[in-house]
PDB file of all heavy atoms in Angstrom:
ATOM      1  N   HIS A   1     271.526 230.172  36.765  1.00  0.00           N
ATOM      2  CA  HIS A   1     271.017 230.627  35.448  1.00  0.00           C
ATOM      3  C   HIS A   1     271.406 229.718  34.307  1.00  0.00           C
ATOM      4  O   HIS A   1     271.425 230.112  33.129  1.00  0.00           O
ATOM      5  CB  HIS A   1     271.455 232.073  35.156  1.00  0.00           C
ATOM      6  CG  HIS A   1     270.871 233.096  36.106  1.00  0.00           C
ATOM      7  ND1 HIS A   1     269.540 233.414  36.091  1.00  0.00           N
ATOM      8  CD2 HIS A   1     271.443 233.866  37.086  1.00  0.00           C
ATOM      9  CE1 HIS A   1     269.312 234.321  37.053  1.00  0.00           C
ATOM     10  NE2 HIS A   1     270.447 234.584  37.648  1.00  0.00           N
ATOM     11  N   GLN A   2     271.810 228.432  34.672  1.00  0.00           N
ATOM     12  CA  GLN A   2     272.143 227.429  33.695  1.00  0.00           C
ATOM     13  C   GLN A   2     271.082 226.335  33.631  1.00  0.00           C
ATOM     14  O   GLN A   2     270.903 225.669  32.578  1.00  0.00           O
ATOM     15  CB  GLN A   2     273.506 226.829  34.002  1.00  0.00           C
ATOM     16  CG  GLN A   2     274.622 227.814  33.994  1.00  0.00           C
ATOM     17  CD  GLN A   2     275.942 227.206  34.448  1.00  0.00           C
ATOM     18  OE1 GLN A   2     276.409 226.211  33.833  1.00  0.00           O
ATOM     19  NE2 GLN A   2     276.559 227.757  35.459  1.00  0.00           N
ATOM     20  N   PHE A   3     270.422 226.106  34.734  1.00  0.00           N
ATOM     21  CA  PHE A   3     269.342 225.110  34.834  1.00  0.00           C
ATOM     22  C   PHE A   3     268.453 225.544  35.996  1.00  0.00           C
ATOM     23  O   PHE A   3     268.728 226.526  36.691  1.00  0.00           O
ATOM     24  CB  PHE A   3     269.930 223.696  35.096  1.00  0.00           C
ATOM     25  CG  PHE A   3     270.712 223.584  36.381  1.00  0.00           C
ATOM     26  CD1 PHE A   3     270.107 223.282  37.601  1.00  0.00           C
ATOM     27  CD2 PHE A   3     272.064 223.813  36.369  1.00  0.00           C
ATOM     28  CE1 PHE A   3     270.830 223.209  38.732  1.00  0.00           C
ATOM     29  CE2 PHE A   3     272.854 223.745  37.558  1.00  0.00           C
ATOM     30  CZ  PHE A   3     272.181 223.433  38.727  1.00  0.00           C
ATOM     31  N   LEU A   4     267.396 224.772  36.214  1.00  0.00           N
ATOM     32  CA  LEU A   4     266.476 225.090  37.359  1.00  0.00           C
ATOM     33  C   LEU A   4     266.365 223.807  38.220  1.00  0.00           C
ATOM     34  O   LEU A   4     265.969 222.751  37.715  1.00  0.00           O
ATOM     35  CB  LEU A   4     265.069 225.514  36.864  1.00  0.00           C
ATOM     36  CG  LEU A   4     264.969 226.763  35.965  1.00  0.00           C
ATOM     37  CD1 LEU A   4     263.550 227.029  35.635  1.00  0.00           C
ATOM     38  CD2 LEU A   4     265.668 227.958  36.632  1.00  0.00           C
ATOM     39  N   ALA A   5     266.665 223.971  39.502  1.00  0.00           N
ATOM     40  CA  ALA A   5     266.479 222.870  40.470  1.00  0.00           C
ATOM     41  C   ALA A   5     264.969 222.907  40.888  1.00  0.00           C
ATOM     42  O   ALA A   5     264.645 223.298  42.016  1.00  0.00           O
ATOM     43  CB  ALA A   5     267.416 223.029  41.657  1.00  0.00           C
ATOM     44  N   ILE A   6     264.109 222.513  40.007  1.00  0.00           N
ATOM     45  CA  ILE A   6     262.702 222.839  40.113  1.00  0.00           C
ATOM     46  C   ILE A   6     261.949 221.930  41.086  1.00  0.00           C
ATOM     47  O   ILE A   6     260.780 222.242  41.426  1.00  0.00           O
ATOM     48  CB  ILE A   6     262.046 222.788  38.735  1.00  0.00           C
ATOM     49  CG1 ILE A   6     260.831 223.705  38.688  1.00  0.00           C
ATOM     50  CG2 ILE A   6     261.757 221.372  38.266  1.00  0.00           C
ATOM     51  CD1 ILE A   6     260.393 224.093  37.271  1.00  0.00           C
ATOM     52  N   GLN A   7     262.534 220.889  41.583  1.00  0.00           N
ATOM     53  CA  GLN A   7     261.850 220.038  42.528  1.00  0.00           C
ATOM     54  C   GLN A   7     261.947 220.614  43.971  1.00  0.00           C
ATOM     55  O   GLN A   7     260.990 221.133  44.504  1.00  0.00           O
ATOM     56  CB  GLN A   7     262.373 218.642  42.550  1.00  0.00           C
ATOM     57  CG  GLN A   7     262.122 217.874  41.231  1.00  0.00           C
ATOM     58  CD  GLN A   7     260.636 217.515  41.036  1.00  0.00           C
ATOM     59  OE1 GLN A   7     259.867 217.553  41.994  1.00  0.00           O
ATOM     60  NE2 GLN A   7     260.219 217.235  39.823  1.00  0.00           N
ATOM     61  N   HIS A   8     263.162 220.572  44.556  1.00  0.00           N
ATOM     62  CA  HIS A   8     263.315 220.998  45.964  1.00  0.00           C
ATOM     63  C   HIS A   8     263.360 222.520  46.122  1.00  0.00           C
ATOM     64  O   HIS A   8     263.250 222.985  47.257  1.00  0.00           O
ATOM     65  CB  HIS A   8     264.516 220.325  46.598  1.00  0.00           C
ATOM     66  CG  HIS A   8     265.847 220.917  46.267  1.00  0.00           C
ATOM     67  ND1 HIS A   8     266.368 220.888  45.015  1.00  0.00           N
ATOM     68  CD2 HIS A   8     266.750 221.616  47.038  1.00  0.00           C
ATOM     69  CE1 HIS A   8     267.556 221.494  44.991  1.00  0.00           C
ATOM     70  NE2 HIS A   8     267.797 221.951  46.220  1.00  0.00           N
ATOM     71  N   GLU A   9     263.526 223.222  44.993  1.00  0.00           N
ATOM     72  CA  GLU A   9     263.449 224.712  45.106  1.00  0.00           C
ATOM     73  C   GLU A   9     262.274 225.268  44.326  1.00  0.00           C
ATOM     74  O   GLU A   9     262.225 226.434  43.971  1.00  0.00           O
ATOM     75  CB  GLU A   9     264.742 225.303  44.532  1.00  0.00           C
ATOM     76  CG  GLU A   9     265.962 224.989  45.412  1.00  0.00           C
ATOM     77  CD  GLU A   9     267.263 225.584  44.948  1.00  0.00           C
ATOM     78  OE1 GLU A   9     267.302 226.116  43.774  1.00  0.00           O
ATOM     79  OE2 GLU A   9     268.237 225.563  45.683  1.00  0.00           O
ATOM     80  N   GLY A  10     261.275 224.372  44.060  1.00  0.00           N
ATOM     81  CA  GLY A  10     260.109 224.822  43.309  1.00  0.00           C
ATOM     82  C   GLY A  10     258.857 224.126  43.748  1.00  0.00           C
ATOM     83  O   GLY A  10     258.084 224.600  44.598  1.00  0.00           O
ATOM     84  N   TYR A  11     258.585 222.940  43.174  1.00  0.00           N
ATOM     85  CA  TYR A  11     257.355 222.257  43.395  1.00  0.00           C
ATOM     86  C   TYR A  11     257.101 221.924  44.861  1.00  0.00           C
ATOM     87  O   TYR A  11     255.983 222.068  45.338  1.00  0.00           O
ATOM     88  CB  TYR A  11     257.288 220.974  42.540  1.00  0.00           C
ATOM     89  CG  TYR A  11     257.396 221.200  41.056  1.00  0.00           C
ATOM     90  CD1 TYR A  11     258.109 220.305  40.248  1.00  0.00           C
ATOM     91  CD2 TYR A  11     256.824 222.305  40.451  1.00  0.00           C
ATOM     92  CE1 TYR A  11     258.219 220.492  38.891  1.00  0.00           C
ATOM     93  CE2 TYR A  11     256.943 222.520  39.095  1.00  0.00           C
ATOM     94  CZ  TYR A  11     257.648 221.608  38.287  1.00  0.00           C
ATOM     95  OH  TYR A  11     257.775 221.800  36.965  1.00  0.00           O
ATOM     96  N   GLN A  12     258.166 221.480  45.543  1.00  0.00           N
ATOM     97  CA  GLN A  12     257.944 221.104  46.943  1.00  0.00           C
ATOM     98  C   GLN A  12     257.638 222.303  47.842  1.00  0.00           C
ATOM     99  O   GLN A  12     256.846 222.202  48.774  1.00  0.00           O
ATOM    100  CB  GLN A  12     259.202 220.359  47.434  1.00  0.00           C
ATOM    101  CG  GLN A  12     259.381 219.011  46.817  1.00  0.00           C
ATOM    102  CD  GLN A  12     260.731 218.349  47.135  1.00  0.00           C
ATOM    103  OE1 GLN A  12     261.358 218.661  48.153  1.00  0.00           O
ATOM    104  NE2 GLN A  12     261.159 217.434  46.279  1.00  0.00           N
ATOM    105  N   VAL A  13     258.209 223.451  47.488  1.00  0.00           N
ATOM    106  CA  VAL A  13     257.882 224.663  48.213  1.00  0.00           C
ATOM    107  C   VAL A  13     256.477 225.085  47.946  1.00  0.00           C
ATOM    108  O   VAL A  13     255.724 225.493  48.855  1.00  0.00           O
ATOM    109  CB  VAL A  13     258.882 225.819  47.808  1.00  0.00           C
ATOM    110  CG1 VAL A  13     258.574 227.083  48.516  1.00  0.00           C
ATOM    111  CG2 VAL A  13     260.303 225.381  48.053  1.00  0.00           C
ATOM    112  N   ALA A  14     256.044 224.993  46.708  1.00  0.00           N
ATOM    113  CA  ALA A  14     254.679 225.390  46.333  1.00  0.00           C
ATOM    114  C   ALA A  14     253.658 224.480  47.062  1.00  0.00           C
ATOM    115  O   ALA A  14     252.590 224.907  47.472  1.00  0.00           O
ATOM    116  CB  ALA A  14     254.485 225.291  44.802  1.00  0.00           C
ATOM    117  N   GLU A  15     253.990 223.191  47.202  1.00  0.00           N
ATOM    118  CA  GLU A  15     253.095 222.268  47.922  1.00  0.00           C
ATOM    119  C   GLU A  15     252.947 222.714  49.394  1.00  0.00           C
ATOM    120  O   GLU A  15     251.854 222.674  49.926  1.00  0.00           O
ATOM    121  CB  GLU A  15     253.625 220.832  47.792  1.00  0.00           C
ATOM    122  CG  GLU A  15     253.478 220.213  46.415  1.00  0.00           C
ATOM    123  CD  GLU A  15     254.153 218.881  46.298  1.00  0.00           C
ATOM    124  OE1 GLU A  15     254.801 218.458  47.309  1.00  0.00           O
ATOM    125  OE2 GLU A  15     254.066 218.275  45.224  1.00  0.00           O
ATOM    126  N   TYR A  16     254.068 223.074  49.982  1.00  0.00           N
ATOM    127  CA  TYR A  16     254.041 223.537  51.386  1.00  0.00           C
ATOM    128  C   TYR A  16     253.144 224.777  51.468  1.00  0.00           C
ATOM    129  O   TYR A  16     252.266 224.875  52.380  1.00  0.00           O
ATOM    130  CB  TYR A  16     255.419 223.852  51.877  1.00  0.00           C
ATOM    131  CG  TYR A  16     255.456 224.556  53.214  1.00  0.00           C
ATOM    132  CD1 TYR A  16     255.572 223.820  54.402  1.00  0.00           C
ATOM    133  CD2 TYR A  16     255.358 225.936  53.315  1.00  0.00           C
ATOM    134  CE1 TYR A  16     255.556 224.502  55.628  1.00  0.00           C
ATOM    135  CE2 TYR A  16     255.348 226.594  54.510  1.00  0.00           C
ATOM    136  CZ  TYR A  16     255.456 225.863  55.679  1.00  0.00           C
ATOM    137  OH  TYR A  16     255.444 226.497  56.928  1.00  0.00           O
ATOM    138  N   LEU A  17     253.340 225.727  50.577  1.00  0.00           N
ATOM    139  CA  LEU A  17     252.585 226.975  50.643  1.00  0.00           C
ATOM    140  C   LEU A  17     251.051 226.690  50.492  1.00  0.00           C
ATOM    141  O   LEU A  17     250.253 227.245  51.242  1.00  0.00           O
ATOM    142  CB  LEU A  17     253.053 227.910  49.546  1.00  0.00           C
ATOM    143  CG  LEU A  17     254.503 228.472  49.685  1.00  0.00           C
ATOM    144  CD1 LEU A  17     254.880 229.266  48.497  1.00  0.00           C
ATOM    145  CD2 LEU A  17     254.642 229.284  50.968  1.00  0.00           C
ATOM    146  N   ALA A  18     250.728 225.897  49.473  1.00  0.00           N
ATOM    147  CA  ALA A  18     249.273 225.616  49.245  1.00  0.00           C
ATOM    148  C   ALA A  18     248.702 224.925  50.454  1.00  0.00           C
ATOM    149  O   ALA A  18     247.518 225.180  50.778  1.00  0.00           O
ATOM    150  CB  ALA A  18     249.143 224.722  47.977  1.00  0.00           C
ATOM    151  N   ALA A  19     249.450 224.054  51.099  1.00  0.00           N
ATOM    152  CA  ALA A  19     248.920 223.378  52.307  1.00  0.00           C
ATOM    153  C   ALA A  19     248.731 224.324  53.471  1.00  0.00           C
ATOM    154  O   ALA A  19     248.000 224.016  54.419  1.00  0.00           O
ATOM    155  CB  ALA A  19     249.874 222.256  52.733  1.00  0.00           C
ATOM    156  N   HIS A  20     249.330 225.521  53.361  1.00  0.00           N
ATOM    157  CA  HIS A  20     249.231 226.532  54.419  1.00  0.00           C
ATOM    158  C   HIS A  20     248.384 227.764  54.004  1.00  0.00           C
ATOM    159  O   HIS A  20     248.517 228.827  54.525  1.00  0.00           O
ATOM    160  CB  HIS A  20     250.587 226.976  54.917  1.00  0.00           C
ATOM    161  CG  HIS A  20     251.308 225.927  55.729  1.00  0.00           C
ATOM    162  ND1 HIS A  20     251.896 224.822  55.154  1.00  0.00           N
ATOM    163  CD2 HIS A  20     251.521 225.798  57.028  1.00  0.00           C
ATOM    164  CE1 HIS A  20     252.430 224.055  56.092  1.00  0.00           C
ATOM    165  NE2 HIS A  20     252.222 224.657  57.264  1.00  0.00           N
ATOM    166  N   GLY A  21     247.591 227.525  52.928  1.00  0.00           N
ATOM    167  CA  GLY A  21     246.627 228.576  52.518  1.00  0.00           C
ATOM    168  C   GLY A  21     247.226 229.631  51.620  1.00  0.00           C
ATOM    169  O   GLY A  21     246.611 230.685  51.380  1.00  0.00           O
ATOM    170  N   ILE A  22     248.430 229.405  51.108  1.00  0.00           N
ATOM    171  CA  ILE A  22     249.104 230.376  50.261  1.00  0.00           C
ATOM    172  C   ILE A  22     249.280 229.809  48.863  1.00  0.00           C
ATOM    173  O   ILE A  22     249.792 228.703  48.689  1.00  0.00           O
ATOM    174  CB  ILE A  22     250.526 230.723  50.839  1.00  0.00           C
ATOM    175  CG1 ILE A  22     250.376 231.233  52.292  1.00  0.00           C
ATOM    176  CG2 ILE A  22     251.232 231.747  49.974  1.00  0.00           C
ATOM    177  CD1 ILE A  22     251.677 231.173  53.067  1.00  0.00           C
ATOM    178  N   ALA A  23     248.889 230.558  47.830  1.00  0.00           N
ATOM    179  CA  ALA A  23     249.079 230.060  46.489  1.00  0.00           C
ATOM    180  C   ALA A  23     250.584 230.068  46.115  1.00  0.00           C
ATOM    181  O   ALA A  23     251.265 231.062  46.329  1.00  0.00           O
ATOM    182  CB  ALA A  23     248.347 230.941  45.484  1.00  0.00           C
ATOM    183  N   GLY A  24     251.080 228.919  45.639  1.00  0.00           N
ATOM    184  CA  GLY A  24     252.470 228.815  45.230  1.00  0.00           C
ATOM    185  C   GLY A  24     252.532 228.683  43.728  1.00  0.00           C
ATOM    186  O   GLY A  24     251.887 227.831  43.150  1.00  0.00           O
ATOM    187  N   LEU A  25     253.330 229.533  43.087  1.00  0.00           N
ATOM    188  CA  LEU A  25     253.399 229.564  41.612  1.00  0.00           C
ATOM    189  C   LEU A  25     254.851 229.412  41.189  1.00  0.00           C
ATOM    190  O   LEU A  25     255.666 230.339  41.347  1.00  0.00           O
ATOM    191  CB  LEU A  25     252.784 230.925  41.135  1.00  0.00           C
ATOM    192  CG  LEU A  25     251.407 231.140  41.686  1.00  0.00           C
ATOM    193  CD1 LEU A  25     251.434 232.329  42.685  1.00  0.00           C
ATOM    194  CD2 LEU A  25     250.390 231.421  40.581  1.00  0.00           C
ATOM    195  N   VAL A  26     255.187 228.248  40.617  1.00  0.00           N
ATOM    196  CA  VAL A  26     256.561 227.943  40.271  1.00  0.00           C
ATOM    197  C   VAL A  26     256.907 228.470  38.906  1.00  0.00           C
ATOM    198  O   VAL A  26     256.255 228.104  37.901  1.00  0.00           O
ATOM    199  CB  VAL A  26     256.834 226.432  40.398  1.00  0.00           C
ATOM    200  CG1 VAL A  26     258.287 226.140  40.056  1.00  0.00           C
ATOM    201  CG2 VAL A  26     256.445 225.918  41.749  1.00  0.00           C
ATOM    202  N   LEU A  27     257.941 229.288  38.834  1.00  0.00           N
ATOM    203  CA  LEU A  27     258.309 229.959  37.625  1.00  0.00           C
ATOM    204  C   LEU A  27     259.405 229.181  36.860  1.00  0.00           C
ATOM    205  O   LEU A  27     260.449 228.920  37.407  1.00  0.00           O
ATOM    206  CB  LEU A  27     258.829 231.379  37.929  1.00  0.00           C
ATOM    207  CG  LEU A  27     259.436 232.178  36.749  1.00  0.00           C
ATOM    208  CD1 LEU A  27     258.381 232.426  35.640  1.00  0.00           C
ATOM    209  CD2 LEU A  27     259.968 233.493  37.261  1.00  0.00           C
ATOM    210  N   LYS A  28     259.103 228.835  35.601  1.00  0.00           N
ATOM    211  CA  LYS A  28     260.132 228.343  34.684  1.00  0.00           C
ATOM    212  C   LYS A  28     260.615 229.524  33.887  1.00  0.00           C
ATOM    213  O   LYS A  28     259.836 230.062  33.051  1.00  0.00           O
ATOM    214  CB  LYS A  28     259.566 227.273  33.767  1.00  0.00           C
ATOM    215  CG  LYS A  28     259.350 225.935  34.418  1.00  0.00           C
ATOM    216  CD  LYS A  28     258.831 224.905  33.367  1.00  0.00           C
ATOM    217  CE  LYS A  28     258.502 223.587  33.982  1.00  0.00           C
ATOM    218  NZ  LYS A  28     257.897 222.654  33.046  1.00  0.00           N
ATOM    219  N   TYR A  29     261.818 229.961  34.139  1.00  0.00           N
ATOM    220  CA  TYR A  29     262.328 231.144  33.441  1.00  0.00           C
ATOM    221  C   TYR A  29     263.530 230.773  32.574  1.00  0.00           C
ATOM    222  O   TYR A  29     264.161 229.745  32.805  1.00  0.00           O
ATOM    223  CB  TYR A  29     262.703 232.256  34.420  1.00  0.00           C
ATOM    224  CG  TYR A  29     263.730 231.879  35.448  1.00  0.00           C
ATOM    225  CD1 TYR A  29     265.106 232.172  35.264  1.00  0.00           C
ATOM    226  CD2 TYR A  29     263.336 231.267  36.670  1.00  0.00           C
ATOM    227  CE1 TYR A  29     266.058 231.819  36.242  1.00  0.00           C
ATOM    228  CE2 TYR A  29     264.300 230.985  37.663  1.00  0.00           C
ATOM    229  CZ  TYR A  29     265.630 231.238  37.435  1.00  0.00           C
ATOM    230  OH  TYR A  29     266.573 230.915  38.370  1.00  0.00           O
ATOM    231  N   ARG A  30     263.820 231.605  31.615  1.00  0.00           N
ATOM    232  CA  ARG A  30     264.902 231.298  30.654  1.00  0.00           C
ATOM    233  C   ARG A  30     266.276 231.406  31.333  1.00  0.00           C
ATOM    234  O   ARG A  30     266.543 232.338  32.087  1.00  0.00           O
ATOM    235  CB  ARG A  30     264.769 232.234  29.438  1.00  0.00           C
ATOM    236  CG  ARG A  30     263.607 231.883  28.544  1.00  0.00           C
ATOM    237  CD  ARG A  30     263.367 232.933  27.487  1.00  0.00           C
ATOM    238  NE  ARG A  30     262.625 234.090  28.040  1.00  0.00           N
ATOM    239  CZ  ARG A  30     262.273 235.144  27.342  1.00  0.00           C
ATOM    240  NH1 ARG A  30     262.633 235.255  26.075  1.00  0.00           N
ATOM    241  NH2 ARG A  30     261.607 236.132  27.915  1.00  0.00           N
ATOM    242  N   CYS A  31     267.127 230.476  30.983  1.00  0.00           N
ATOM    243  CA  CYS A  31     268.472 230.365  31.590  1.00  0.00           C
ATOM    244  C   CYS A  31     269.517 230.987  30.657  1.00  0.00           C
ATOM    245  O   CYS A  31     269.951 230.336  29.723  1.00  0.00           O
ATOM    246  CB  CYS A  31     268.809 228.931  31.913  1.00  0.00           C
ATOM    247  SG  CYS A  31     267.635 228.142  33.058  1.00  0.00           S
ATOM    248  N   TYR A  32     269.888 232.200  30.957  1.00  0.00           N
ATOM    249  CA  TYR A  32     270.744 232.927  30.004  1.00  0.00           C
ATOM    250  C   TYR A  32     272.260 232.515  30.077  1.00  0.00           C
ATOM    251  O   TYR A  32     273.028 232.836  29.212  1.00  0.00           O
ATOM    252  CB  TYR A  32     270.627 234.450  30.214  1.00  0.00           C
ATOM    253  CG  TYR A  32     271.159 234.996  31.514  1.00  0.00           C
ATOM    254  CD1 TYR A  32     272.479 235.444  31.610  1.00  0.00           C
ATOM    255  CD2 TYR A  32     270.350 235.050  32.612  1.00  0.00           C
ATOM    256  CE1 TYR A  32     272.969 235.978  32.814  1.00  0.00           C
ATOM    257  CE2 TYR A  32     270.802 235.596  33.817  1.00  0.00           C
ATOM    258  CZ  TYR A  32     272.111 236.005  33.916  1.00  0.00           C
ATOM    259  OH  TYR A  32     272.603 236.542  35.100  1.00  0.00           O
ATOM    260  N   ARG A  33     272.603 231.754  31.131  1.00  0.00           N
ATOM    261  CA  ARG A  33     273.996 231.311  31.246  1.00  0.00           C
ATOM    262  C   ARG A  33     274.157 229.870  30.817  1.00  0.00           C
ATOM    263  O   ARG A  33     275.254 229.339  30.915  1.00  0.00           O
ATOM    264  CB  ARG A  33     274.503 231.533  32.681  1.00  0.00           C
ATOM    265  CG  ARG A  33     274.540 233.007  33.097  1.00  0.00           C
ATOM    266  CD  ARG A  33     275.147 233.185  34.459  1.00  0.00           C
ATOM    267  NE  ARG A  33     276.575 232.931  34.492  1.00  0.00           N
ATOM    268  CZ  ARG A  33     277.283 232.731  35.553  1.00  0.00           C
ATOM    269  NH1 ARG A  33     276.667 232.746  36.758  1.00  0.00           N
ATOM    270  NH2 ARG A  33     278.548 232.470  35.498  1.00  0.00           N
ATOM    271  N   GLN A  34     273.137 229.225  30.355  1.00  0.00           N
ATOM    272  CA  GLN A  34     273.251 227.876  29.809  1.00  0.00           C
ATOM    273  C   GLN A  34     274.165 227.935  28.577  1.00  0.00           C
ATOM    274  O   GLN A  34     274.086 228.883  27.789  1.00  0.00           O
ATOM    275  CB  GLN A  34     271.894 227.367  29.435  1.00  0.00           C
ATOM    276  CG  GLN A  34     271.893 225.976  28.766  1.00  0.00           C
ATOM    277  CD  GLN A  34     270.543 225.577  28.248  1.00  0.00           C
ATOM    278  OE1 GLN A  34     269.525 226.181  28.607  1.00  0.00           O
ATOM    279  NE2 GLN A  34     270.523 224.567  27.382  1.00  0.00           N
ATOM    280  N   GLN A  35     274.960 226.951  28.384  1.00  0.00           N
ATOM    281  CA  GLN A  35     275.880 226.933  27.241  1.00  0.00           C
ATOM    282  C   GLN A  35     275.093 227.049  25.950  1.00  0.00           C
ATOM    283  O   GLN A  35     274.158 226.272  25.724  1.00  0.00           O
ATOM    284  CB  GLN A  35     276.741 225.659  27.227  1.00  0.00           C
ATOM    285  CG  GLN A  35     277.811 225.650  26.136  1.00  0.00           C
ATOM    286  CD  GLN A  35     278.715 224.448  26.233  1.00  0.00           C
ATOM    287  OE1 GLN A  35     278.492 223.567  27.058  1.00  0.00           O
ATOM    288  NE2 GLN A  35     279.746 224.402  25.425  1.00  0.00           N
ATOM    289  N   GLY A  36     275.453 227.991  25.137  1.00  0.00           N
ATOM    290  CA  GLY A  36     274.788 228.192  23.843  1.00  0.00           C
ATOM    291  C   GLY A  36     273.406 228.942  23.944  1.00  0.00           C
ATOM    292  O   GLY A  36     272.699 229.014  22.954  1.00  0.00           O
ATOM    293  N   SER A  37     273.104 229.432  25.133  1.00  0.00           N
ATOM    294  CA  SER A  37     271.807 230.096  25.315  1.00  0.00           C
ATOM    295  C   SER A  37     271.690 231.337  24.412  1.00  0.00           C
ATOM    296  O   SER A  37     272.629 232.141  24.333  1.00  0.00           O
ATOM    297  CB  SER A  37     271.626 230.503  26.746  1.00  0.00           C
ATOM    298  OG  SER A  37     270.414 231.258  26.930  1.00  0.00           O
ATOM    299  N   PRO A  38     270.541 231.533  23.764  1.00  0.00           N
ATOM    300  CA  PRO A  38     270.332 232.749  22.954  1.00  0.00           C
ATOM    301  C   PRO A  38     269.822 233.894  23.788  1.00  0.00           C
ATOM    302  O   PRO A  38     269.565 234.970  23.251  1.00  0.00           O
ATOM    303  CB  PRO A  38     269.238 232.276  21.955  1.00  0.00           C
ATOM    304  CG  PRO A  38     268.468 231.281  22.705  1.00  0.00           C
ATOM    305  CD  PRO A  38     269.437 230.576  23.607  1.00  0.00           C
ATOM    306  N   TYR A  39     269.721 233.732  25.107  1.00  0.00           N
ATOM    307  CA  TYR A  39     269.072 234.734  25.966  1.00  0.00           C
ATOM    308  C   TYR A  39     270.085 235.551  26.741  1.00  0.00           C
ATOM    309  O   TYR A  39     271.244 235.262  26.874  1.00  0.00           O
ATOM    310  CB  TYR A  39     268.118 234.052  26.892  1.00  0.00           C
ATOM    311  CG  TYR A  39     267.084 233.185  26.169  1.00  0.00           C
ATOM    312  CD1 TYR A  39     267.033 231.823  26.395  1.00  0.00           C
ATOM    313  CD2 TYR A  39     266.263 233.728  25.190  1.00  0.00           C
ATOM    314  CE1 TYR A  39     266.151 231.005  25.721  1.00  0.00           C
ATOM    315  CE2 TYR A  39     265.384 232.947  24.481  1.00  0.00           C
ATOM    316  CZ  TYR A  39     265.332 231.606  24.750  1.00  0.00           C
ATOM    317  OH  TYR A  39     264.453 230.798  24.041  1.00  0.00           O
ATOM    318  N   LYS A  40     269.536 236.680  27.253  1.00  0.00           N
ATOM    319  CA  LYS A  40     270.317 237.595  28.098  1.00  0.00           C
ATOM    320  C   LYS A  40     269.606 237.682  29.478  1.00  0.00           C
ATOM    321  O   LYS A  40     268.503 237.219  29.654  1.00  0.00           O
ATOM    322  CB  LYS A  40     270.373 238.987  27.440  1.00  0.00           C
ATOM    323  CG  LYS A  40     271.081 239.015  26.094  1.00  0.00           C
ATOM    324  CD  LYS A  40     271.112 240.392  25.526  1.00  0.00           C
ATOM    325  CE  LYS A  40     271.851 240.396  24.162  1.00  0.00           C
ATOM    326  NZ  LYS A  40     271.849 241.779  23.550  1.00  0.00           N
ATOM    327  N   ARG A  41     270.311 238.326  30.385  1.00  0.00           N
ATOM    328  CA  ARG A  41     269.783 238.502  31.757  1.00  0.00           C
ATOM    329  C   ARG A  41     268.421 239.193  31.721  1.00  0.00           C
ATOM    330  O   ARG A  41     267.528 238.843  32.474  1.00  0.00           O
ATOM    331  CB  ARG A  41     270.790 239.285  32.583  1.00  0.00           C
ATOM    332  CG  ARG A  41     270.314 239.630  33.972  1.00  0.00           C
ATOM    333  CD  ARG A  41     271.448 240.315  34.738  1.00  0.00           C
ATOM    334  NE  ARG A  41     271.033 240.866  36.010  1.00  0.00           N
ATOM    335  CZ  ARG A  41     270.843 240.200  37.119  1.00  0.00           C
ATOM    336  NH1 ARG A  41     271.054 238.883  37.102  1.00  0.00           N
ATOM    337  NH2 ARG A  41     270.432 240.768  38.225  1.00  0.00           N
ATOM    338  N   GLU A  42     268.295 240.119  30.768  1.00  0.00           N
ATOM    339  CA  GLU A  42     267.021 240.853  30.678  1.00  0.00           C
ATOM    340  C   GLU A  42     265.858 239.960  30.354  1.00  0.00           C
ATOM    341  O   GLU A  42     264.692 240.230  30.718  1.00  0.00           O
ATOM    342  CB  GLU A  42     267.144 241.961  29.629  1.00  0.00           C
ATOM    343  CG  GLU A  42     268.048 243.129  30.000  1.00  0.00           C
ATOM    344  CD  GLU A  42     269.522 242.786  29.910  1.00  0.00           C
ATOM    345  OE1 GLU A  42     269.897 241.800  29.261  1.00  0.00           O
ATOM    346  OE2 GLU A  42     270.324 243.499  30.547  1.00  0.00           O
ATOM    347  N   ASP A  43     266.102 238.847  29.631  1.00  0.00           N
ATOM    348  CA  ASP A  43     265.005 237.923  29.294  1.00  0.00           C
ATOM    349  C   ASP A  43     264.495 237.188  30.552  1.00  0.00           C
ATOM    350  O   ASP A  43     263.294 236.978  30.702  1.00  0.00           O
ATOM    351  CB  ASP A  43     265.504 236.893  28.260  1.00  0.00           C
ATOM    352  CG  ASP A  43     265.861 237.550  26.936  1.00  0.00           C
ATOM    353  OD1 ASP A  43     265.037 238.347  26.439  1.00  0.00           O
ATOM    354  OD2 ASP A  43     266.910 237.280  26.392  1.00  0.00           O
TER     355      ASP A  43
END
């Protein structure tokens, strides 16, 4: 909840899914534990 490892835990997974007939939708969500983050877990 400080950053997103969006390549090997996101885009590459979505590519695999799409190649197997499954829509893959990679979520960029707010990181509430990033230093100085204005967000909470609920966000």
